[in-house]
């Protein structure tokens, strides 16, 4: 019985030691927030790229058709356009265009964050 008490005391001392204040603090809530944030960002990126490139043919199909209509001598009817109720290849252009706007806004935001961090780092070095 004494042996079990000593083992129990040794285990308690092993896990009950005081934390070194110079070591980084581990918080499981921060880890969980990082995991949830990463999954949310990955899902948003997937939605954004899927809407931009795949939804109803994607943006590049519509841009190619519009280019051919403007510069290639074809008409909208050649691409299946029969009015606003039957847009043919141009169906879903508003969703593709919205995803392009969001993508450009996200890119501009990331560029702004990068430039702000670079300027702050340069000020700290001086």
N, C-alpha and C. Protein backbone atom coordinates (compact mmCIF):
# COMPACT_ATOMS: atom_id res chain seq x y z
N UNK A 1 0.83 -1.19 0.00
CA UNK A 1 0.00 0.00 0.00
C UNK A 1 0.87 1.25 0.00
N UNK A 2 1.98 1.20 0.70
CA UNK A 2 2.92 2.32 0.73
C UNK A 2 3.48 2.58 -0.66
N UNK A 3 3.72 1.50 -1.39
CA UNK A 3 4.26 1.62 -2.74
C UNK A 3 3.28 2.39 -3.64
N UNK A 4 2.01 2.06 -3.54
CA UNK A 4 1.00 2.74 -4.36
C UNK A 4 0.90 4.22 -3.99
N UNK A 5 1.05 4.55 -2.73
CA UNK A 5 1.01 5.95 -2.31
C UNK A 5 2.21 6.71 -2.88
N UNK A 6 3.38 6.06 -2.86
CA UNK A 6 4.57 6.73 -3.41
C UNK A 6 4.43 6.94 -4.92
N UNK A 7 3.91 5.93 -5.61
CA UNK A 7 3.70 6.06 -7.05
C UNK A 7 2.68 7.15 -7.33
N UNK A 8 1.60 7.17 -6.56
CA UNK A 8 0.58 8.22 -6.72
C UNK A 8 1.14 9.60 -6.44
N UNK A 9 1.98 9.73 -5.40
CA UNK A 9 2.60 11.02 -5.08
C UNK A 9 3.56 11.44 -6.18
N UNK A 10 4.31 10.47 -6.74
CA UNK A 10 5.25 10.80 -7.83
C UNK A 10 4.49 11.26 -9.07
N UNK A 11 3.38 10.59 -9.40
CA UNK A 11 2.58 11.00 -10.55
C UNK A 11 1.94 12.37 -10.32
N UNK A 12 1.47 12.60 -9.11
CA UNK A 12 0.88 13.90 -8.80
C UNK A 12 1.93 15.00 -8.88
N UNK A 13 3.14 14.73 -8.41
CA UNK A 13 4.21 15.72 -8.49
C UNK A 13 4.62 15.97 -9.95
N UNK A 14 4.54 14.92 -10.78
CA UNK A 14 4.90 15.06 -12.19
C UNK A 14 3.93 15.99 -12.92
N UNK A 15 2.64 15.85 -12.65
CA UNK A 15 1.64 16.66 -13.35
C UNK A 15 1.24 17.91 -12.60
N UNK A 16 1.74 18.10 -11.39
CA UNK A 16 1.37 19.26 -10.59
C UNK A 16 2.52 20.25 -10.46
N UNK A 17 3.51 20.13 -11.30
CA UNK A 17 4.67 21.02 -11.22
C UNK A 17 4.26 22.43 -11.64
N UNK A 18 4.95 23.41 -11.09
CA UNK A 18 4.68 24.80 -11.44
C UNK A 18 5.17 25.07 -12.86
N UNK A 19 4.40 25.88 -13.59
CA UNK A 19 4.77 26.21 -14.96
C UNK A 19 5.88 27.24 -14.98
N UNK A 20 6.77 27.07 -15.92
CA UNK A 20 7.85 28.03 -16.12
C UNK A 20 7.26 29.27 -16.80
N UNK A 21 7.41 30.46 -16.24
CA UNK A 21 6.81 31.65 -16.86
C UNK A 21 7.46 32.03 -18.20
N UNK A 22 8.65 31.51 -18.48
CA UNK A 22 9.30 31.83 -19.74
C UNK A 22 8.82 30.97 -20.91
N UNK A 23 8.13 29.88 -20.62
CA UNK A 23 7.61 29.02 -21.67
C UNK A 23 6.30 29.58 -22.21
N UNK A 24 6.01 29.34 -23.50
CA UNK A 24 4.73 29.81 -24.05
C UNK A 24 3.57 29.08 -23.39
N UNK A 25 2.47 29.78 -23.23
CA UNK A 25 1.29 29.23 -22.58
C UNK A 25 0.43 28.51 -23.61
N UNK A 26 0.02 27.30 -23.29
CA UNK A 26 -0.83 26.50 -24.18
C UNK A 26 -2.27 26.65 -23.73
N UNK A 27 -3.12 27.08 -24.64
CA UNK A 27 -4.53 27.21 -24.34
C UNK A 27 -5.33 26.41 -25.37
N UNK A 28 -6.05 25.39 -24.95
CA UNK A 28 -6.80 24.58 -25.92
C UNK A 28 -7.89 25.37 -26.65
N UNK A 29 -8.38 26.45 -26.05
CA UNK A 29 -9.40 27.26 -26.72
C UNK A 29 -8.79 27.93 -27.95
N UNK A 30 -7.55 28.39 -27.83
CA UNK A 30 -6.89 29.01 -28.98
C UNK A 30 -6.70 27.98 -30.10
N UNK A 31 -6.32 26.78 -29.74
CA UNK A 31 -6.15 25.73 -30.75
C UNK A 31 -7.47 25.43 -31.44
N UNK A 32 -8.53 25.33 -30.66
CA UNK A 32 -9.85 25.08 -31.25
C UNK A 32 -10.29 26.22 -32.16
N UNK A 33 -10.03 27.45 -31.75
CA UNK A 33 -10.40 28.60 -32.58
C UNK A 33 -9.61 28.60 -33.88
N UNK A 34 -8.35 28.24 -33.82
CA UNK A 34 -7.53 28.17 -35.04
C UNK A 34 -8.07 27.08 -35.97
N UNK A 35 -8.42 25.93 -35.42
CA UNK A 35 -8.95 24.85 -36.25
C UNK A 35 -10.28 25.24 -36.90
N UNK A 36 -11.19 25.83 -36.14
CA UNK A 36 -12.48 26.24 -36.68
C UNK A 36 -12.29 27.35 -37.71
N UNK A 37 -11.43 28.31 -37.41
CA UNK A 37 -11.17 29.39 -38.36
C UNK A 37 -10.55 28.90 -39.65
N UNK A 38 -9.65 27.93 -39.54
CA UNK A 38 -9.02 27.37 -40.73
C UNK A 38 -10.04 26.63 -41.59
N UNK A 39 -10.92 25.86 -40.96
CA UNK A 39 -11.94 25.15 -41.73
C UNK A 39 -12.93 26.12 -42.37
N UNK A 40 -13.28 27.20 -41.66
CA UNK A 40 -14.19 28.20 -42.23
C UNK A 40 -13.53 28.91 -43.42
N UNK A 41 -12.26 29.25 -43.29
CA UNK A 41 -11.55 29.92 -44.39
C UNK A 41 -11.43 28.98 -45.60
N UNK A 42 -11.15 27.72 -45.35
CA UNK A 42 -11.05 26.75 -46.46
C UNK A 42 -12.41 26.58 -47.14
N UNK A 43 -13.47 26.54 -46.37
CA UNK A 43 -14.81 26.43 -46.96
C UNK A 43 -15.18 27.66 -47.76
N UNK A 44 -14.84 28.85 -47.25
CA UNK A 44 -15.13 30.08 -47.99
C UNK A 44 -14.33 30.15 -49.28
N UNK A 45 -13.07 29.73 -49.22
CA UNK A 45 -12.24 29.72 -50.42
C UNK A 45 -12.79 28.73 -51.44
N UNK A 46 -13.21 27.56 -50.99
CA UNK A 46 -13.79 26.56 -51.89
C UNK A 46 -15.04 27.12 -52.55
N UNK A 47 -15.94 27.73 -51.76
CA UNK A 47 -17.17 28.29 -52.32
C UNK A 47 -16.85 29.36 -53.33
N UNK A 48 -15.92 30.23 -53.00
CA UNK A 48 -15.56 31.34 -53.87
C UNK A 48 -15.01 30.85 -55.20
N UNK A 49 -14.06 29.94 -55.15
CA UNK A 49 -13.46 29.43 -56.39
C UNK A 49 -14.43 28.58 -57.19
N UNK A 50 -15.28 27.81 -56.50
CA UNK A 50 -16.26 26.99 -57.21
C UNK A 50 -17.26 27.89 -57.94
N UNK A 51 -17.73 28.93 -57.28
CA UNK A 51 -18.68 29.83 -57.91
C UNK A 51 -18.03 30.57 -59.07
N UNK A 52 -16.78 30.94 -58.92
CA UNK A 52 -16.09 31.67 -59.97
C UNK A 52 -15.80 30.79 -61.18
N UNK A 53 -15.35 29.57 -60.96
CA UNK A 53 -14.82 28.75 -62.05
C UNK A 53 -15.74 27.63 -62.54
N UNK A 54 -16.74 27.21 -61.73
CA UNK A 54 -17.53 26.04 -62.08
C UNK A 54 -19.02 26.34 -62.24
N UNK A 55 -19.58 27.20 -61.43
CA UNK A 55 -21.03 27.45 -61.39
C UNK A 55 -21.56 27.82 -62.78
N UNK A 56 -22.47 27.02 -63.30
CA UNK A 56 -23.09 27.21 -64.62
C UNK A 56 -22.07 27.44 -65.73
N UNK A 57 -21.00 26.70 -65.71
CA UNK A 57 -20.00 26.79 -66.76
C UNK A 57 -18.80 27.63 -66.41
N UNK A 58 -18.90 28.44 -65.40
CA UNK A 58 -17.77 29.25 -64.99
C UNK A 58 -17.66 30.57 -65.74
N UNK A 59 -16.82 31.42 -65.23
CA UNK A 59 -16.68 32.76 -65.79
C UNK A 59 -15.94 32.74 -67.13
N UNK A 60 -14.97 31.86 -67.30
CA UNK A 60 -14.17 31.87 -68.52
C UNK A 60 -14.99 31.49 -69.75
N UNK A 61 -15.97 30.61 -69.59
CA UNK A 61 -16.84 30.25 -70.73
C UNK A 61 -17.65 31.47 -71.15
N UNK A 62 -18.15 32.19 -70.18
CA UNK A 62 -18.96 33.38 -70.48
C UNK A 62 -18.11 34.49 -71.08
N UNK A 63 -16.89 34.66 -70.57
CA UNK A 63 -16.01 35.68 -71.14
C UNK A 63 -15.61 35.33 -72.57
N UNK A 64 -15.35 34.07 -72.82
CA UNK A 64 -15.01 33.64 -74.18
C UNK A 64 -16.17 33.86 -75.14
N UNK A 65 -17.38 33.55 -74.69
CA UNK A 65 -18.56 33.76 -75.54
C UNK A 65 -18.79 35.25 -75.78
N UNK A 66 -18.64 36.07 -74.74
CA UNK A 66 -18.81 37.51 -74.91
C UNK A 66 -17.75 38.08 -75.85
N UNK A 67 -16.52 37.60 -75.75
CA UNK A 67 -15.44 38.04 -76.63
C UNK A 67 -15.77 37.69 -78.08
N UNK A 68 -16.29 36.51 -78.29
CA UNK A 68 -16.65 36.07 -79.64
C UNK A 68 -17.81 36.88 -80.19
N UNK A 69 -18.75 37.25 -79.33
CA UNK A 69 -19.88 38.07 -79.78
C UNK A 69 -19.40 39.47 -80.16
N UNK A 70 -18.52 40.04 -79.34
CA UNK A 70 -18.06 41.41 -79.61
C UNK A 70 -17.09 41.46 -80.77
N UNK A 71 -16.13 40.56 -80.82
CA UNK A 71 -15.06 40.65 -81.81
C UNK A 71 -15.08 39.55 -82.87
N UNK A 72 -15.87 38.50 -82.69
CA UNK A 72 -15.81 37.36 -83.60
C UNK A 72 -16.90 37.29 -84.63
N UNK A 73 -17.85 38.21 -84.57
CA UNK A 73 -18.89 38.21 -85.60
C UNK A 73 -20.05 37.27 -85.32
N UNK A 74 -20.08 36.61 -84.19
CA UNK A 74 -21.22 35.75 -83.86
C UNK A 74 -22.27 36.57 -83.12
N UNK A 75 -23.47 36.02 -83.02
CA UNK A 75 -24.54 36.70 -82.30
C UNK A 75 -24.82 35.99 -80.98
N UNK A 76 -25.59 36.63 -80.13
CA UNK A 76 -25.97 36.01 -78.86
C UNK A 76 -26.80 34.75 -79.09
N UNK A 77 -27.57 34.75 -80.17
CA UNK A 77 -28.41 33.58 -80.46
C UNK A 77 -27.56 32.35 -80.77
N UNK A 78 -26.34 32.55 -81.29
CA UNK A 78 -25.44 31.43 -81.55
C UNK A 78 -25.01 30.73 -80.27
N UNK A 79 -25.07 31.44 -79.14
CA UNK A 79 -24.70 30.87 -77.85
C UNK A 79 -25.91 30.52 -77.00
N UNK A 80 -27.08 30.45 -77.61
CA UNK A 80 -28.27 29.98 -76.93
C UNK A 80 -29.06 31.06 -76.22
N UNK A 81 -28.73 32.32 -76.42
CA UNK A 81 -29.45 33.40 -75.74
C UNK A 81 -30.76 33.66 -76.45
N UNK A 82 -31.87 33.48 -75.73
CA UNK A 82 -33.21 33.74 -76.26
C UNK A 82 -33.98 34.66 -75.33
N UNK A 83 -33.36 35.66 -74.82
CA UNK A 83 -34.02 36.57 -73.88
C UNK A 83 -33.59 36.27 -72.46
N UNK A 84 -34.11 37.05 -71.54
CA UNK A 84 -33.67 36.93 -70.15
C UNK A 84 -34.13 35.63 -69.50
N UNK A 85 -35.18 34.99 -70.04
CA UNK A 85 -35.64 33.74 -69.43
C UNK A 85 -34.87 32.53 -69.92
N UNK A 86 -34.16 32.66 -71.02
CA UNK A 86 -33.32 31.58 -71.55
C UNK A 86 -31.98 32.17 -72.00
N UNK A 87 -31.07 32.42 -71.02
CA UNK A 87 -29.82 33.10 -71.37
C UNK A 87 -28.77 32.21 -72.02
N UNK A 88 -29.03 30.93 -72.17
CA UNK A 88 -28.08 30.03 -72.81
C UNK A 88 -26.79 29.90 -72.02
N UNK A 89 -25.65 30.12 -72.69
CA UNK A 89 -24.36 29.95 -72.05
C UNK A 89 -24.12 31.03 -70.98
N UNK A 90 -24.89 32.11 -71.05
CA UNK A 90 -24.70 33.22 -70.10
C UNK A 90 -25.48 33.03 -68.79
N UNK A 91 -26.09 31.89 -68.61
CA UNK A 91 -26.82 31.64 -67.37
C UNK A 91 -25.84 31.57 -66.20
N UNK A 92 -26.16 32.29 -65.12
CA UNK A 92 -25.33 32.29 -63.93
C UNK A 92 -24.21 33.32 -63.95
N UNK A 93 -24.26 34.25 -64.91
CA UNK A 93 -23.19 35.24 -65.02
C UNK A 93 -23.14 36.15 -63.80
N UNK A 94 -24.29 36.40 -63.19
CA UNK A 94 -24.31 37.29 -62.02
C UNK A 94 -23.59 36.64 -60.84
N UNK A 95 -23.78 35.35 -60.64
CA UNK A 95 -23.07 34.63 -59.58
C UNK A 95 -21.57 34.59 -59.83
N UNK A 96 -21.18 34.33 -61.09
CA UNK A 96 -19.76 34.33 -61.44
C UNK A 96 -19.14 35.71 -61.24
N UNK A 97 -19.86 36.74 -61.63
CA UNK A 97 -19.35 38.10 -61.49
C UNK A 97 -19.25 38.49 -60.01
N UNK A 98 -20.23 38.08 -59.22
CA UNK A 98 -20.18 38.34 -57.77
C UNK A 98 -18.99 37.66 -57.12
N UNK A 99 -18.72 36.42 -57.53
CA UNK A 99 -17.55 35.71 -56.99
C UNK A 99 -16.26 36.38 -57.40
N UNK A 100 -16.22 36.92 -58.62
CA UNK A 100 -15.03 37.65 -59.07
C UNK A 100 -14.81 38.90 -58.22
N UNK A 101 -15.88 39.61 -57.92
CA UNK A 101 -15.77 40.81 -57.08
C UNK A 101 -15.28 40.43 -55.68
N UNK A 102 -15.86 39.38 -55.09
CA UNK A 102 -15.42 38.94 -53.76
C UNK A 102 -13.96 38.50 -53.79
N UNK A 103 -13.57 37.82 -54.85
CA UNK A 103 -12.19 37.35 -54.98
C UNK A 103 -11.23 38.54 -55.06
N UNK A 104 -11.59 39.55 -55.83
CA UNK A 104 -10.75 40.73 -55.94
C UNK A 104 -10.69 41.50 -54.62
N UNK A 105 -11.82 41.58 -53.91
CA UNK A 105 -11.82 42.25 -52.60
C UNK A 105 -10.95 41.50 -51.60
N UNK A 106 -11.04 40.18 -51.60
CA UNK A 106 -10.20 39.38 -50.70
C UNK A 106 -8.73 39.54 -51.04
N UNK A 107 -8.41 39.57 -52.31
CA UNK A 107 -7.03 39.75 -52.74
C UNK A 107 -6.52 41.14 -52.33
N UNK A 108 -7.34 42.16 -52.49
CA UNK A 108 -6.95 43.51 -52.08
C UNK A 108 -6.77 43.58 -50.56
N UNK A 109 -7.63 42.89 -49.81
CA UNK A 109 -7.49 42.87 -48.36
C UNK A 109 -6.22 42.17 -47.91
N UNK A 110 -5.91 41.05 -48.53
CA UNK A 110 -4.67 40.35 -48.20
C UNK A 110 -3.45 41.18 -48.55
N UNK A 111 -3.50 41.88 -49.67
CA UNK A 111 -2.39 42.75 -50.05
C UNK A 111 -2.22 43.88 -49.04
N UNK A 112 -3.33 44.45 -48.58
CA UNK A 112 -3.28 45.53 -47.59
C UNK A 112 -2.68 45.02 -46.28
N UNK A 113 -3.09 43.83 -45.84
CA UNK A 113 -2.54 43.26 -44.61
C UNK A 113 -1.04 43.02 -44.75
N UNK A 114 -0.63 42.51 -45.90
CA UNK A 114 0.80 42.26 -46.14
C UNK A 114 1.59 43.56 -46.11
N UNK A 115 1.10 44.58 -46.79
CA UNK A 115 1.81 45.86 -46.83
C UNK A 115 1.86 46.52 -45.46
N UNK A 116 0.79 46.45 -44.70
CA UNK A 116 0.77 47.02 -43.35
C UNK A 116 1.79 46.33 -42.46
N UNK A 117 1.85 45.02 -42.53
CA UNK A 117 2.83 44.27 -41.74
C UNK A 117 4.25 44.56 -42.15
N UNK A 118 4.47 44.72 -43.45
CA UNK A 118 5.81 45.02 -43.94
C UNK A 118 6.27 46.40 -43.47
N UNK A 119 5.38 47.38 -43.49
CA UNK A 119 5.72 48.72 -43.04
C UNK A 119 6.00 48.72 -41.53
N UNK A 120 5.19 48.02 -40.76
CA UNK A 120 5.41 47.95 -39.31
C UNK A 120 6.72 47.27 -38.99
N UNK A 121 7.05 46.22 -39.71
CA UNK A 121 8.32 45.53 -39.49
C UNK A 121 9.51 46.43 -39.83
N UNK A 122 9.38 47.22 -40.88
CA UNK A 122 10.46 48.13 -41.25
C UNK A 122 10.64 49.23 -40.19
N UNK A 123 9.54 49.69 -39.60
CA UNK A 123 9.65 50.70 -38.54
C UNK A 123 10.30 50.14 -37.29
N UNK A 124 10.01 48.88 -36.98
CA UNK A 124 10.62 48.27 -35.80
C UNK A 124 12.12 48.10 -35.94
N UNK A 125 12.58 47.88 -37.17
CA UNK A 125 14.01 47.66 -37.40
C UNK A 125 14.81 48.94 -37.25
N UNK A 126 14.18 50.10 -37.44
CA UNK A 126 14.90 51.38 -37.36
C UNK A 126 15.15 51.82 -35.97
